[in-house]
Amino acid sequence: MAKQTTFEQTLKTLEDAVSRLEEGQLPLDQALDCFETGVQSANQCRKQLTRVEAKVERLLKSADGRLHTEALSPDET
């Protein structure tokens, strides 16, 4: 099983890919690889944010007024 990266690590990878592409100095094949890495990182960030958002919503919508969390079901991860 692959090691899960933190949101901050994934965001840093995305930022690095964007910076490299914005410089405009990469050969086409490297630029394509960099773009692919950026897209994968953006998708991973989006998934991580969606999971956190669902958890926060559950925390805020506690029926009894007390704050608590619930584990996400497997189909939400």
N, C-alpha and C. Protein backbone atom coordinates (compact mmCIF):
# COMPACT_ATOMS: atom_id res chain seq x y z
N MET A 1 0.85 -1.18 0.00
CA MET A 1 0.00 0.00 0.00
C MET A 1 0.89 1.24 0.00
N ALA A 2 0.57 2.20 -0.84
CA ALA A 2 1.36 3.42 -0.95
C ALA A 2 1.15 4.31 0.28
N LYS A 3 2.22 5.01 0.65
CA LYS A 3 2.15 5.91 1.80
C LYS A 3 1.28 7.11 1.43
N GLN A 4 0.35 7.45 2.32
CA GLN A 4 -0.53 8.60 2.10
C GLN A 4 0.25 9.89 2.37
N THR A 5 0.19 10.83 1.46
CA THR A 5 0.86 12.10 1.67
C THR A 5 -0.12 13.08 2.32
N THR A 6 0.43 14.04 3.01
CA THR A 6 -0.42 15.05 3.64
C THR A 6 -0.90 16.03 2.58
N PHE A 7 -1.93 16.77 2.94
CA PHE A 7 -2.45 17.80 2.04
C PHE A 7 -1.34 18.79 1.70
N GLU A 8 -0.58 19.19 2.71
CA GLU A 8 0.48 20.18 2.51
C GLU A 8 1.55 19.66 1.55
N GLN A 9 1.90 18.38 1.66
CA GLN A 9 2.89 17.80 0.75
C GLN A 9 2.36 17.77 -0.69
N THR A 10 1.10 17.39 -0.82
CA THR A 10 0.49 17.33 -2.15
C THR A 10 0.37 18.72 -2.76
N LEU A 11 -0.02 19.69 -1.95
CA LEU A 11 -0.12 21.08 -2.43
C LEU A 11 1.25 21.60 -2.86
N LYS A 12 2.29 21.28 -2.12
CA LYS A 12 3.66 21.70 -2.47
C LYS A 12 4.06 21.10 -3.82
N THR A 13 3.72 19.84 -4.05
CA THR A 13 4.02 19.19 -5.33
C THR A 13 3.30 19.92 -6.46
N LEU A 14 2.04 20.29 -6.23
CA LEU A 14 1.28 21.04 -7.23
C LEU A 14 1.90 22.40 -7.49
N GLU A 15 2.25 23.11 -6.43
CA GLU A 15 2.87 24.44 -6.58
C GLU A 15 4.19 24.35 -7.34
N ASP A 16 4.98 23.32 -7.05
CA ASP A 16 6.26 23.14 -7.75
C ASP A 16 6.03 22.88 -9.24
N ALA A 17 5.04 22.06 -9.56
CA ALA A 17 4.74 21.77 -10.96
C ALA A 17 4.31 23.04 -11.69
N VAL A 18 3.46 23.83 -11.06
CA VAL A 18 3.00 25.08 -11.67
C VAL A 18 4.18 26.02 -11.91
N SER A 19 5.04 26.15 -10.91
CA SER A 19 6.21 27.04 -11.05
C SER A 19 7.11 26.61 -12.20
N ARG A 20 7.35 25.31 -12.29
CA ARG A 20 8.22 24.81 -13.37
C ARG A 20 7.59 25.08 -14.74
N LEU A 21 6.28 24.89 -14.83
CA LEU A 21 5.61 25.12 -16.11
C LEU A 21 5.57 26.60 -16.46
N GLU A 22 5.38 27.46 -15.46
CA GLU A 22 5.33 28.90 -15.71
C GLU A 22 6.68 29.44 -16.18
N GLU A 23 7.77 28.81 -15.77
CA GLU A 23 9.09 29.26 -16.23
C GLU A 23 9.23 29.10 -17.73
N GLY A 24 8.55 28.11 -18.30
CA GLY A 24 8.57 27.93 -19.75
C GLY A 24 9.88 27.41 -20.32
N GLN A 25 10.71 26.81 -19.49
CA GLN A 25 12.02 26.37 -19.96
C GLN A 25 12.13 24.86 -20.14
N LEU A 26 11.05 24.12 -19.88
CA LEU A 26 11.10 22.66 -19.97
C LEU A 26 10.90 22.19 -21.40
N PRO A 27 11.65 21.16 -21.80
CA PRO A 27 11.36 20.52 -23.09
C PRO A 27 9.94 19.94 -23.04
N LEU A 28 9.35 19.73 -24.19
CA LEU A 28 7.97 19.32 -24.27
C LEU A 28 7.66 18.06 -23.46
N ASP A 29 8.51 17.04 -23.56
CA ASP A 29 8.23 15.80 -22.84
C ASP A 29 8.27 16.01 -21.32
N GLN A 30 9.19 16.82 -20.85
CA GLN A 30 9.26 17.12 -19.42
C GLN A 30 8.08 17.99 -18.98
N ALA A 31 7.68 18.91 -19.83
CA ALA A 31 6.54 19.76 -19.52
C ALA A 31 5.27 18.92 -19.41
N LEU A 32 5.12 17.95 -20.29
CA LEU A 32 3.96 17.07 -20.24
C LEU A 32 3.96 16.24 -18.95
N ASP A 33 5.12 15.71 -18.57
CA ASP A 33 5.23 14.96 -17.31
C ASP A 33 4.90 15.86 -16.12
N CYS A 34 5.40 17.06 -16.15
CA CYS A 34 5.16 18.02 -15.07
C CYS A 34 3.67 18.37 -15.00
N PHE A 35 3.05 18.57 -16.15
CA PHE A 35 1.62 18.85 -16.20
C PHE A 35 0.81 17.69 -15.62
N GLU A 36 1.19 16.48 -15.99
CA GLU A 36 0.50 15.29 -15.48
C GLU A 36 0.63 15.21 -13.96
N THR A 37 1.81 15.48 -13.44
CA THR A 37 2.02 15.49 -11.99
C THR A 37 1.13 16.55 -11.34
N GLY A 38 1.04 17.71 -11.95
CA GLY A 38 0.21 18.78 -11.42
C GLY A 38 -1.26 18.40 -11.39
N VAL A 39 -1.74 17.77 -12.45
CA VAL A 39 -3.14 17.35 -12.51
C VAL A 39 -3.42 16.30 -11.44
N GLN A 40 -2.52 15.34 -11.30
CA GLN A 40 -2.69 14.31 -10.26
C GLN A 40 -2.69 14.93 -8.87
N SER A 41 -1.80 15.87 -8.64
CA SER A 41 -1.74 16.54 -7.33
C SER A 41 -3.00 17.35 -7.07
N ALA A 42 -3.50 18.05 -8.07
CA ALA A 42 -4.72 18.83 -7.91
C ALA A 42 -5.90 17.92 -7.59
N ASN A 43 -5.98 16.78 -8.26
CA ASN A 43 -7.06 15.83 -7.98
C ASN A 43 -6.95 15.28 -6.56
N GLN A 44 -5.74 14.98 -6.12
CA GLN A 44 -5.54 14.46 -4.77
C GLN A 44 -5.91 15.52 -3.74
N CYS A 45 -5.52 16.77 -3.96
CA CYS A 45 -5.90 17.86 -3.05
C CYS A 45 -7.42 17.98 -2.98
N ARG A 46 -8.08 17.91 -4.11
CA ARG A 46 -9.54 18.02 -4.16
C ARG A 46 -10.19 16.89 -3.35
N LYS A 47 -9.69 15.67 -3.50
CA LYS A 47 -10.23 14.54 -2.74
C LYS A 47 -10.03 14.73 -1.24
N GLN A 48 -8.84 15.18 -0.86
CA GLN A 48 -8.56 15.39 0.56
C GLN A 48 -9.46 16.48 1.13
N LEU A 49 -9.65 17.55 0.39
CA LEU A 49 -10.51 18.64 0.85
C LEU A 49 -11.97 18.20 0.96
N THR A 50 -12.41 17.37 0.05
CA THR A 50 -13.78 16.87 0.09
C THR A 50 -14.01 16.03 1.34
N ARG A 51 -13.04 15.18 1.67
CA ARG A 51 -13.16 14.36 2.89
C ARG A 51 -13.20 15.23 4.14
N VAL A 52 -12.36 16.24 4.19
CA VAL A 52 -12.34 17.14 5.35
C VAL A 52 -13.65 17.91 5.43
N GLU A 53 -14.14 18.39 4.32
CA GLU A 53 -15.39 19.13 4.30
C GLU A 53 -16.54 18.27 4.83
N ALA A 54 -16.60 17.01 4.43
CA ALA A 54 -17.66 16.12 4.90
C ALA A 54 -17.56 15.92 6.41
N LYS A 55 -16.35 15.79 6.91
CA LYS A 55 -16.16 15.60 8.35
C LYS A 55 -16.57 16.86 9.12
N VAL A 56 -16.22 18.02 8.62
CA VAL A 56 -16.59 19.29 9.27
C VAL A 56 -18.10 19.45 9.27
N GLU A 57 -18.75 19.13 8.16
CA GLU A 57 -20.21 19.24 8.09
C GLU A 57 -20.86 18.34 9.13
N ARG A 58 -20.36 17.14 9.30
CA ARG A 58 -20.92 16.24 10.31
C ARG A 58 -20.71 16.79 11.70
N LEU A 59 -19.56 17.37 11.91
CA LEU A 59 -19.25 17.95 13.22
C LEU A 59 -20.20 19.09 13.54
N LEU A 60 -20.46 19.93 12.59
CA LEU A 60 -21.31 21.09 12.80
C LEU A 60 -22.80 20.76 12.85
N LYS A 61 -23.19 19.64 12.27
CA LYS A 61 -24.60 19.28 12.19
C LYS A 61 -25.02 18.26 13.25
N SER A 62 -24.35 18.24 14.37
CA SER A 62 -24.68 17.32 15.43
C SER A 62 -26.11 17.56 15.91
N ALA A 63 -26.92 16.53 15.91
CA ALA A 63 -28.33 16.65 16.26
C ALA A 63 -28.55 17.02 17.72
N ASP A 64 -27.71 16.53 18.60
CA ASP A 64 -27.91 16.79 20.03
C ASP A 64 -27.21 18.05 20.52
N GLY A 65 -26.61 18.79 19.62
CA GLY A 65 -25.96 20.04 20.00
C GLY A 65 -24.53 19.89 20.48
N ARG A 66 -24.11 18.66 20.73
CA ARG A 66 -22.72 18.44 21.15
C ARG A 66 -21.85 18.19 19.92
N LEU A 67 -20.61 18.57 20.05
CA LEU A 67 -19.67 18.37 18.95
C LEU A 67 -19.09 16.97 19.00
N HIS A 68 -19.17 16.27 17.89
CA HIS A 68 -18.55 14.95 17.76
C HIS A 68 -18.33 14.69 16.28
N THR A 69 -17.49 13.70 16.01
CA THR A 69 -17.22 13.33 14.63
C THR A 69 -17.67 11.90 14.39
N GLU A 70 -17.86 11.57 13.13
CA GLU A 70 -18.20 10.21 12.72
C GLU A 70 -17.21 9.80 11.65
N ALA A 71 -16.88 8.54 11.63
CA ALA A 71 -15.99 8.04 10.58
C ALA A 71 -16.72 8.09 9.24
N LEU A 72 -15.98 8.41 8.18
CA LEU A 72 -16.55 8.40 6.85
C LEU A 72 -16.79 6.97 6.41
N SER A 73 -17.87 6.74 5.70
CA SER A 73 -18.11 5.41 5.17
C SER A 73 -17.15 5.16 4.01
N PRO A 74 -16.87 3.90 3.70
CA PRO A 74 -15.90 3.60 2.61
C PRO A 74 -16.24 4.23 1.28
N ASP A 75 -17.53 4.42 0.97
CA ASP A 75 -17.89 5.01 -0.32
C ASP A 75 -17.64 6.51 -0.36
N GLU A 76 -17.35 7.13 0.78
CA GLU A 76 -17.07 8.57 0.84
C GLU A 76 -15.58 8.87 0.77
N THR A 77 -14.74 7.86 0.83
CA THR A 77 -13.30 8.11 0.82
C THR A 77 -12.74 8.02 -0.55
